[in-house]
C-alpha cells in the first residue's frame, strides 16, 4: 500500500534530521515533543527571518521586542483556572505539561489588557518621534493543548510570529486590506502551488471587542488548516486611561484599533515541506526505473543554499579546491555543504532530497583551467563557469546584493 503524502514527509523529516518526534506517557496521557536537526533548525530560522524581513525590517514604524520570560495564559482549566507557561523557565515546564491534561479547550492567548496599554505607552517613550500608525513585533513560544494529531501539530510547544499593529478607527479598513494582501502574498511567494494558500473570512460570532477575523489557510490533504490569523480589536480605549491615551500619537477623538497577526511556525514548517515534496522517476544504470525525491523548497527557505561536490573525491587537490570554494561561499553569507564522498549522482540525489537549490561540482579539468559545473535542482541542467564566478552567480540566483 502506498504511503500518504504526510507519511512520506514524516519519513523524510526523520531520516534526514529535519525533525524528530519523541513522546512521554504520563498520568495525563501522551505528550509529544519535537527536536529539530540542522536542516529543520535552518528551515525554521529562515522562516522566522523571512517573516521578520517582510513584516518588520521592510516597513516603517514596526518595532521588534524580545522578552526573557513571559507568562502566557493559553488554556482554560477545569475550575476557571488557566494553564500557564513561562518561556525560558524549565522548572515550570513540567507543571505546565501536567496541566494540559486538565484543560478543556484553547482560548485566544492574546487579549488586550491594561498591561498591554502600559507597555504601549512605554514604547512611545522608548522611541522618540514615533509616528502613527505603528506596530510591535516579536517571536515567542508557549505551551498549549494540541488541537490536531497530525505530526508536529500535536506538539504541546507552540511557536508563533506575532504583530500588533495600532491604527486609528478611520483608517482601520485600509490597513486590514493592506495586511490581508501582504500576508497572503508572503505565503504564496515561497509556495510551488500558490493556490493551496487562501484567505478565509470567519463567519462565526466574534467575541466582544473583535470586529473582524481573517486567516490564511493551507490546503493539507486532510483539510484546511490556519497558518496565519488576523483579528481586529476595537475596545483598546476601554483599557486605557486619559493620561495613557494622551501619550500616544493619536488625536483625542481617535478611537484606537489593534490589528493582531499571528503566524503559526509549526504549521508553516509542515505546510512548506508538504508543498515542496515531489517524487520523480528516472532510469538507473541497469535500465530499471527508480523513484527519487525532490524537495522544491524556495531558495530563501532552503536550509542549504549550495552544495560543493567533487567528481573525483579521492584526489586531494580537488578536495582542497572544494574546501576553499566552500569557505568563500560561507564568508559571503551563503549556507554551504561540502560533500567529499560518494559519486556526483549520489551527491545530487541527496541534495535534491533535502531541498538544496544549487550544486557546484569540481571536475577533472578544474585544476588546469578553473572550470566547474553549476547545477540547478529544479531543471537539473548544468552549465560550465569559472570557479571565480561561483560566488557572484549564487548570490545573483538567491537575489542577494552583489
Protein backbone atom coordinates (compact mmCIF):
# COMPACT_ATOMS: atom_id res chain seq x y z
CA UNK A 1 0.00 0.00 0.00
CA UNK A 2 1.41 3.39 -0.97
CA UNK A 3 2.14 5.83 1.82
CA UNK A 4 0.25 9.10 2.13
CA UNK A 5 1.98 12.40 1.46
CA UNK A 6 2.13 13.11 5.20
CA UNK A 7 3.77 9.74 5.87
CA UNK A 8 6.34 10.41 3.17
CA UNK A 9 7.15 13.84 4.56
CA UNK A 10 7.43 12.44 8.11
CA UNK A 11 9.80 9.74 6.85
CA UNK A 12 11.92 12.39 5.12
CA UNK A 13 11.97 14.51 8.29
CA UNK A 14 13.01 11.57 10.45
CA UNK A 15 15.65 10.11 8.10
CA UNK A 16 17.27 13.43 7.15
CA UNK A 17 17.02 15.05 10.55
CA UNK A 18 14.59 17.87 9.80
CA UNK A 19 12.62 16.92 12.92
CA UNK A 20 12.49 14.04 15.38
CA UNK A 21 9.44 13.12 17.41
CA UNK A 22 9.52 11.77 20.95
CA UNK A 23 6.69 11.06 23.36
CA UNK A 24 6.29 10.61 27.10
CA UNK A 25 3.50 8.64 28.73
CA UNK A 26 2.16 10.25 31.89
CA UNK A 27 -0.87 10.47 34.11
CA UNK A 28 -2.49 12.93 31.69
CA UNK A 29 -1.80 10.82 28.59
CA UNK A 30 0.83 11.02 25.88
CA UNK A 31 2.83 14.22 25.50
CA UNK A 32 4.67 14.78 22.20
CA UNK A 33 7.78 16.90 21.83
CA UNK A 34 9.95 17.60 18.81
CA UNK A 35 13.63 18.23 18.28
CA UNK A 36 14.93 19.83 15.10
CA UNK A 37 18.18 18.75 13.50
CA UNK A 38 20.49 21.02 11.47
CA UNK A 39 18.21 21.07 8.41
CA UNK A 40 15.00 21.67 10.37
CA UNK A 41 16.66 24.31 12.51
CA UNK A 42 17.86 26.22 9.43
CA UNK A 43 14.47 25.93 7.72
CA UNK A 44 12.66 27.33 10.76
CA UNK A 45 15.28 30.05 11.16
CA UNK A 46 14.79 31.02 7.51
CA UNK A 47 11.02 31.16 8.06
CA UNK A 48 11.47 33.48 11.04
CA UNK A 49 13.98 35.68 9.23
CA UNK A 50 11.79 35.96 6.12
CA UNK A 51 8.79 36.91 8.24
CA UNK A 52 10.86 39.44 10.20
CA UNK A 53 12.24 40.98 7.00
CA UNK A 54 8.80 41.26 5.42
CA UNK A 55 6.88 42.49 8.48
CA UNK A 56 9.48 44.49 10.43
CA UNK A 57 12.62 45.44 8.52
CA UNK A 58 10.91 46.44 5.28
CA UNK A 59 8.19 48.50 6.99
CA UNK A 60 8.27 51.90 8.65
CA UNK A 61 7.29 52.21 12.32
CA UNK A 62 7.28 48.48 13.10
CA UNK A 63 9.44 47.73 16.15
CA UNK A 64 10.75 44.39 17.37
CA UNK A 65 10.83 43.30 21.02
CA UNK A 66 12.03 40.28 22.95
CA UNK A 67 11.35 39.04 26.47
CA UNK A 68 13.50 36.71 28.58
CA UNK A 69 10.44 35.25 30.25
CA UNK A 70 6.74 35.55 29.58
CA UNK A 71 3.67 34.05 31.19
CA UNK A 72 1.05 33.23 28.58
CA UNK A 73 -2.45 32.08 29.51
CA UNK A 74 -3.36 29.63 26.79
CA UNK A 75 -5.96 27.27 28.23
CA UNK A 76 -8.99 27.35 30.43
CA UNK A 77 -8.74 24.87 33.29
CA UNK A 78 -11.49 22.96 34.97
CA UNK A 79 -12.26 25.32 37.82
CA UNK A 80 -11.91 28.51 35.82
CA UNK A 81 -8.15 28.40 36.30
CA UNK A 82 -5.75 28.75 33.43
CA UNK A 83 -2.70 26.74 32.48
CA UNK A 84 0.40 28.89 32.47
CA UNK A 85 3.64 28.68 30.56
CA UNK A 86 6.77 30.52 31.48
CA UNK A 87 9.03 30.82 28.48
CA UNK A 88 12.61 30.10 29.37
CA UNK A 89 11.91 28.51 32.77
CA UNK A 90 12.46 24.74 32.71
CA UNK A 91 11.22 24.37 36.30
CA UNK A 92 7.69 25.39 35.27
CA UNK A 93 7.71 23.25 32.15
CA UNK A 94 6.70 20.01 33.86
CA UNK A 95 3.90 21.76 35.73
CA UNK A 96 2.60 23.29 32.52
CA UNK A 97 2.60 19.98 30.65
CA UNK A 98 0.82 18.25 33.53
CA UNK A 99 -1.82 21.00 33.47
CA UNK A 100 -2.57 20.38 29.80
CA UNK A 101 -4.48 17.20 30.53
CA UNK A 102 -6.86 19.12 32.79
CA UNK A 103 -7.76 21.62 30.07
CA UNK A 104 -10.99 21.79 28.21
CA UNK A 105 -10.42 23.97 25.18
CA UNK A 106 -7.94 26.57 23.98
CA UNK A 107 -8.71 30.24 24.02
CA UNK A 108 -7.12 33.16 22.27
CA UNK A 109 -3.74 33.65 24.02
CA UNK A 110 -3.71 37.35 23.11
CA UNK A 111 -6.16 39.55 24.98
CA UNK A 112 -5.87 43.30 25.31
CA UNK A 113 -5.39 44.32 28.94
CA UNK A 114 -4.23 47.29 31.00
CA UNK A 115 -0.75 45.69 30.97
CA UNK A 116 -0.75 45.96 27.17
CA UNK A 117 -1.69 49.61 27.49
CA UNK A 118 1.21 50.26 29.88
CA UNK A 119 3.62 48.58 27.50
CA UNK A 120 2.27 50.59 24.59
CA UNK A 121 2.80 53.92 26.31
CA UNK A 122 6.28 52.79 27.38
CA UNK A 123 7.10 52.10 23.75
CA UNK A 124 6.31 55.70 22.85
CA UNK A 125 8.83 56.88 25.44
CA UNK A 126 11.48 54.44 24.17
CA UNK A 127 11.32 55.71 20.57
CA UNK A 128 11.37 59.49 20.11
CA UNK A 129 9.44 60.79 17.14
CA UNK A 130 7.28 57.68 16.80
CA UNK A 131 4.51 58.24 14.27
CA UNK A 132 1.13 56.68 13.65
CA UNK A 133 0.32 54.01 12.75
CA UNK A 134 2.91 51.78 14.38
CA UNK A 135 3.38 48.16 15.36
CA UNK A 136 5.08 45.82 17.81
CA UNK A 137 6.53 42.51 16.58
CA UNK A 138 8.07 39.55 18.34
CA UNK A 139 8.72 35.81 18.15
CA UNK A 140 7.50 33.71 21.05
CA UNK A 141 6.90 30.18 22.29
CA UNK A 142 4.19 28.97 24.66
CA UNK A 143 2.63 25.77 25.89
CA UNK A 144 -0.84 24.72 24.87
CA UNK A 145 -3.10 21.74 24.36
CA UNK A 146 -2.74 20.40 20.78
CA UNK A 147 -5.81 20.69 18.59
CA UNK A 148 -4.69 18.14 15.98
CA UNK A 149 -2.97 14.74 15.87
CA UNK A 150 -1.08 15.46 12.63
CA UNK A 151 2.63 15.03 13.40
CA UNK A 152 4.15 18.31 14.64
CA UNK A 153 0.67 19.77 15.26
CA UNK A 154 0.36 17.53 18.31
CA UNK A 155 3.31 19.20 20.00
CA UNK A 156 2.45 20.93 23.27
CA UNK A 157 5.05 23.61 22.48
CA UNK A 158 3.66 26.26 20.13
CA UNK A 159 5.71 28.93 18.38
CA UNK A 160 4.41 31.97 16.60
CA UNK A 161 5.50 35.22 15.00
CA UNK A 162 3.31 37.99 16.34
CA UNK A 163 2.49 41.54 15.20
CA UNK A 164 0.29 44.07 16.98
CA UNK A 165 -0.42 46.99 14.66
CA UNK A 166 -2.05 50.10 16.18
CA UNK A 167 -4.03 52.47 13.95
CA UNK A 168 -6.90 54.95 14.09
CA UNK A 169 -10.51 53.95 13.52
CA UNK A 170 -10.89 55.98 10.32
CA UNK A 171 -8.03 54.04 8.65
CA UNK A 172 -8.58 50.58 10.05
CA UNK A 173 -10.33 49.19 6.95
CA UNK A 174 -7.49 50.35 4.71
CA UNK A 175 -4.92 48.71 6.95
CA UNK A 176 -6.94 45.50 7.24
CA UNK A 177 -6.96 45.16 3.45
CA UNK A 178 -3.26 46.02 3.34
CA UNK A 179 -2.28 43.29 5.80
CA UNK A 180 -4.59 40.73 4.18
CA UNK A 181 -2.79 41.20 0.87
CA UNK A 182 0.64 41.30 2.48
CA UNK A 183 0.20 38.06 4.40
CA UNK A 184 -1.31 36.10 1.51
CA UNK A 185 1.42 37.31 -0.85
CA UNK A 186 4.09 36.32 1.68
CA UNK A 187 2.89 32.71 1.89
CA UNK A 188 2.39 32.36 -1.85
CA UNK A 189 5.82 33.85 -2.60
CA UNK A 190 7.51 30.72 -1.26
CA UNK A 191 4.98 28.16 -2.49
CA UNK A 192 5.10 25.90 -5.53
CA UNK A 193 1.31 25.51 -5.68
CA UNK A 194 0.22 29.01 -4.72
CA UNK A 195 -3.48 28.26 -4.81
CA UNK A 196 -3.05 25.97 -1.78
CA UNK A 197 -2.78 29.14 0.33
CA UNK A 198 -6.01 31.13 0.50
CA UNK A 199 -7.77 33.79 2.58
CA UNK A 200 -10.69 32.80 4.76
CA UNK A 201 -13.10 35.21 6.44
CA UNK A 202 -14.53 33.93 9.73
CA UNK A 203 -18.32 33.76 9.65
CA UNK A 204 -18.85 32.79 13.30
CA UNK A 205 -19.94 35.15 16.06
CA UNK A 206 -16.95 37.14 17.30
CA UNK A 207 -16.02 37.81 20.89
CA UNK A 208 -16.75 41.19 22.42
CA UNK A 209 -14.27 43.79 21.25
CA UNK A 210 -13.42 41.97 17.98
CA UNK A 211 -14.68 43.48 14.74
CA UNK A 212 -13.27 41.00 12.20
CA UNK A 213 -11.28 37.80 11.95
CA UNK A 214 -9.39 36.58 8.89
CA UNK A 215 -6.99 33.71 8.31
CA UNK A 216 -4.60 32.41 5.68
CA UNK A 217 -5.19 28.68 5.33
CA UNK A 218 -3.22 25.91 3.67
CA UNK A 219 -4.97 23.03 1.91
CA UNK A 220 -3.43 20.00 3.62
CA UNK A 221 -4.52 16.59 2.28
CA UNK A 222 -6.84 16.17 5.29
CA UNK A 223 -8.36 19.66 5.06
CA UNK A 224 -7.77 23.36 5.58
CA UNK A 225 -5.50 24.44 8.45
CA UNK A 226 -4.85 28.02 9.59
CA UNK A 227 -1.22 29.08 9.19
CA UNK A 228 -1.79 32.81 9.68
CA UNK A 229 -4.58 34.55 11.60
CA UNK A 230 -5.58 38.20 11.85
CA UNK A 231 -8.07 39.80 14.23
CA UNK A 232 -9.11 43.41 14.76
CA UNK A 233 -9.66 44.62 18.32
CA UNK A 234 -11.77 47.74 18.72
CA UNK A 235 -12.01 48.17 22.51
CA UNK A 236 -8.49 49.38 23.29
CA UNK A 237 -9.82 52.64 24.76
CA UNK A 238 -11.65 50.70 27.47
CA UNK A 239 -8.32 49.53 28.89
CA UNK A 240 -6.56 52.91 28.77
CA UNK A 241 -6.97 55.96 30.96
CA UNK A 242 -6.91 59.56 29.74
CA UNK A 243 -3.21 60.00 30.55
CA UNK A 244 -2.21 56.91 28.57
CA UNK A 245 -4.27 57.99 25.57
CA UNK A 246 -2.69 61.44 25.63
CA UNK A 247 0.81 59.94 25.41
CA UNK A 248 0.07 58.20 22.11
CA UNK A 249 0.50 59.94 18.71
CA UNK A 250 -3.25 60.00 18.03
CA UNK A 251 -5.79 62.78 18.37
CA UNK A 252 -8.14 62.67 21.36
CA UNK A 253 -11.14 61.91 19.19
CA UNK A 254 -9.43 58.95 17.51
CA UNK A 255 -10.64 55.54 18.57
CA UNK A 256 -7.67 53.17 18.57
CA UNK A 257 -7.82 49.77 16.88
CA UNK A 258 -5.30 46.94 17.06
CA UNK A 259 -4.72 44.56 14.16
CA UNK A 260 -3.16 41.39 15.57
CA UNK A 261 -1.39 38.97 13.24
CA UNK A 262 -0.17 35.57 14.40
CA UNK A 263 1.85 33.23 12.19
CA UNK A 264 1.95 29.60 13.32
CA UNK A 265 5.54 28.44 12.79
CA UNK A 266 4.80 24.73 13.26
CA UNK A 267 2.03 24.75 10.67
CA UNK A 268 4.11 26.89 8.32
CA UNK A 269 7.04 24.48 8.69
CA UNK A 270 4.95 21.44 7.73
CA UNK A 271 2.96 23.23 5.01
CA UNK A 272 6.10 24.29 3.12
CA UNK A 273 7.59 20.79 3.39
CA UNK A 274 4.41 19.21 2.02
CA UNK A 275 4.11 21.86 -0.69
CA UNK A 276 7.73 21.23 -1.76
CA UNK A 277 7.66 17.41 -1.70
CA UNK A 278 7.74 15.72 -5.12
CA UNK A 279 8.61 12.23 -6.34
CA UNK A 280 10.13 11.69 -9.77
CA UNK A 281 11.19 8.71 -11.86
CA UNK A 282 14.46 8.09 -13.70
CA UNK A 283 16.30 5.18 -15.27
CA UNK A 284 19.29 3.78 -13.42
CA UNK A 285 22.44 2.23 -14.88
CA UNK A 286 20.72 -1.18 -15.01
CA UNK A 287 17.87 0.18 -17.10
CA UNK A 288 15.34 -0.03 -14.27
CA UNK A 289 13.18 2.86 -13.12
CA UNK A 290 13.99 4.41 -9.73
CA UNK A 291 11.74 6.75 -7.78
CA UNK A 292 13.56 9.61 -6.11
CA UNK A 293 12.52 12.58 -4.00
CA UNK A 294 13.00 16.25 -4.80
CA UNK A 295 12.19 18.89 -2.21
CA UNK A 296 11.40 22.05 -4.17
CA UNK A 297 11.93 24.48 -1.30
CA UNK A 298 12.21 28.13 -2.24
CA UNK A 299 15.91 29.19 -2.21
CA UNK A 300 15.24 31.68 0.60
CA UNK A 301 13.84 28.90 2.79
CA UNK A 302 16.20 26.08 1.80
CA UNK A 303 18.43 25.05 4.74
CA UNK A 304 21.46 24.71 2.45
CA UNK A 305 21.74 27.11 -0.47
CA UNK A 306 24.57 25.44 -2.39
CA UNK A 307 26.47 22.16 -2.20
CA UNK A 308 30.07 21.74 -3.35
CA UNK A 309 30.96 18.23 -4.54
CA UNK A 310 33.94 16.55 -6.20
CA UNK A 311 33.81 14.46 -9.33
CA UNK A 312 36.89 12.60 -8.07
CA UNK A 313 36.86 12.91 -4.26
CA UNK A 314 39.84 10.59 -3.93
CA UNK A 315 42.12 13.32 -5.37
CA UNK A 316 43.34 15.59 -2.59
CA UNK A 317 43.92 18.57 -4.89
CA UNK A 318 40.29 18.55 -6.00
CA UNK A 319 39.12 18.31 -2.38
CA UNK A 320 41.31 21.28 -1.47
CA UNK A 321 39.64 23.36 -4.22
CA UNK A 322 36.18 22.29 -2.97
CA UNK A 323 37.03 23.22 0.62
CA UNK A 324 38.39 26.60 -0.43
CA UNK A 325 35.31 27.37 -2.53
CA UNK A 326 33.04 26.32 0.35
CA UNK A 327 34.91 28.68 2.65
CA UNK A 328 34.48 31.59 0.21
CA UNK A 329 30.74 30.89 -0.08
CA UNK A 330 30.31 30.86 3.69
CA UNK A 331 32.26 34.09 4.05
CA UNK A 332 29.76 35.58 1.58
CA UNK A 333 26.93 34.59 3.94
CA UNK A 334 25.74 31.61 1.86
CA UNK A 335 24.91 28.40 3.72
CA UNK A 336 27.08 25.71 2.12
CA UNK A 337 27.68 21.98 2.46
CA UNK A 338 30.90 20.46 1.13
CA UNK A 339 30.37 16.75 0.35
CA UNK A 340 33.60 14.88 -0.38
CA UNK A 341 32.37 11.31 -0.61
CA UNK A 342 30.24 9.27 -2.96
CA UNK A 343 29.59 9.74 -6.67
CA UNK A 344 28.30 13.00 -8.08
CA UNK A 345 24.90 11.40 -8.82
CA UNK A 346 24.63 10.24 -5.20
CA UNK A 347 25.51 13.73 -4.01
CA UNK A 348 22.95 15.30 -6.35
CA UNK A 349 20.26 12.86 -5.17
CA UNK A 350 20.94 13.64 -1.51
CA UNK A 351 20.82 17.39 -2.01
CA UNK A 352 17.71 17.17 -4.21
CA UNK A 353 16.04 15.30 -1.34
CA UNK A 354 16.87 17.92 1.30
CA UNK A 355 15.97 20.87 -0.94
CA UNK A 356 19.38 22.34 -1.86
CA UNK A 357 18.72 24.54 -4.93
CA UNK A 358 22.25 24.55 -6.40
CA UNK A 359 25.28 22.27 -6.64
CA UNK A 360 28.79 23.14 -7.78
CA UNK A 361 30.98 20.26 -8.97
CA UNK A 362 34.76 20.30 -9.06
CA UNK A 363 35.59 18.38 -12.25
CA UNK A 364 38.77 16.79 -13.59
CA UNK A 365 39.81 19.86 -15.57
CA UNK A 366 39.25 22.37 -12.75
CA UNK A 367 42.90 22.32 -11.68
CA UNK A 368 44.11 23.15 -15.19
CA UNK A 369 41.54 25.73 -16.36
CA UNK A 370 39.46 26.67 -13.28
CA UNK A 371 36.18 25.49 -14.84
CA UNK A 372 33.48 23.97 -12.62
CA UNK A 373 29.92 22.72 -13.24
CA UNK A 374 26.96 24.61 -11.82
CA UNK A 375 23.74 22.57 -11.46
CA UNK A 376 20.18 23.71 -10.74
CA UNK A 377 17.93 21.43 -8.67
CA UNK A 378 14.73 22.47 -10.43
CA UNK A 379 15.94 21.93 -14.01
CA UNK A 380 18.89 19.51 -13.43
CA UNK A 381 20.65 21.47 -16.18
CA UNK A 382 24.36 22.07 -15.75
CA UNK A 383 26.45 24.94 -17.01
CA UNK A 384 30.18 25.49 -17.03
CA UNK A 385 31.72 28.54 -15.41
CA UNK A 386 34.98 29.70 -13.92
CA UNK A 387 35.42 28.99 -10.22
CA UNK A 388 35.95 32.71 -9.58
CA UNK A 389 32.37 33.42 -10.80
CA UNK A 390 30.63 30.94 -8.48
CA UNK A 391 30.03 33.25 -5.51
CA UNK A 392 28.61 36.09 -7.62
CA UNK A 393 26.44 33.63 -9.60
CA UNK A 394 24.98 32.07 -6.46
CA UNK A 395 24.31 35.49 -4.94
CA UNK A 396 22.51 36.52 -8.14
CA UNK A 397 20.34 33.38 -8.11
CA UNK A 398 19.48 33.93 -4.45
CA UNK A 399 18.56 37.57 -5.07
CA UNK A 400 21.32 38.88 -2.82
CA UNK A 401 23.05 42.19 -3.40
CA UNK A 402 26.49 41.96 -5.08
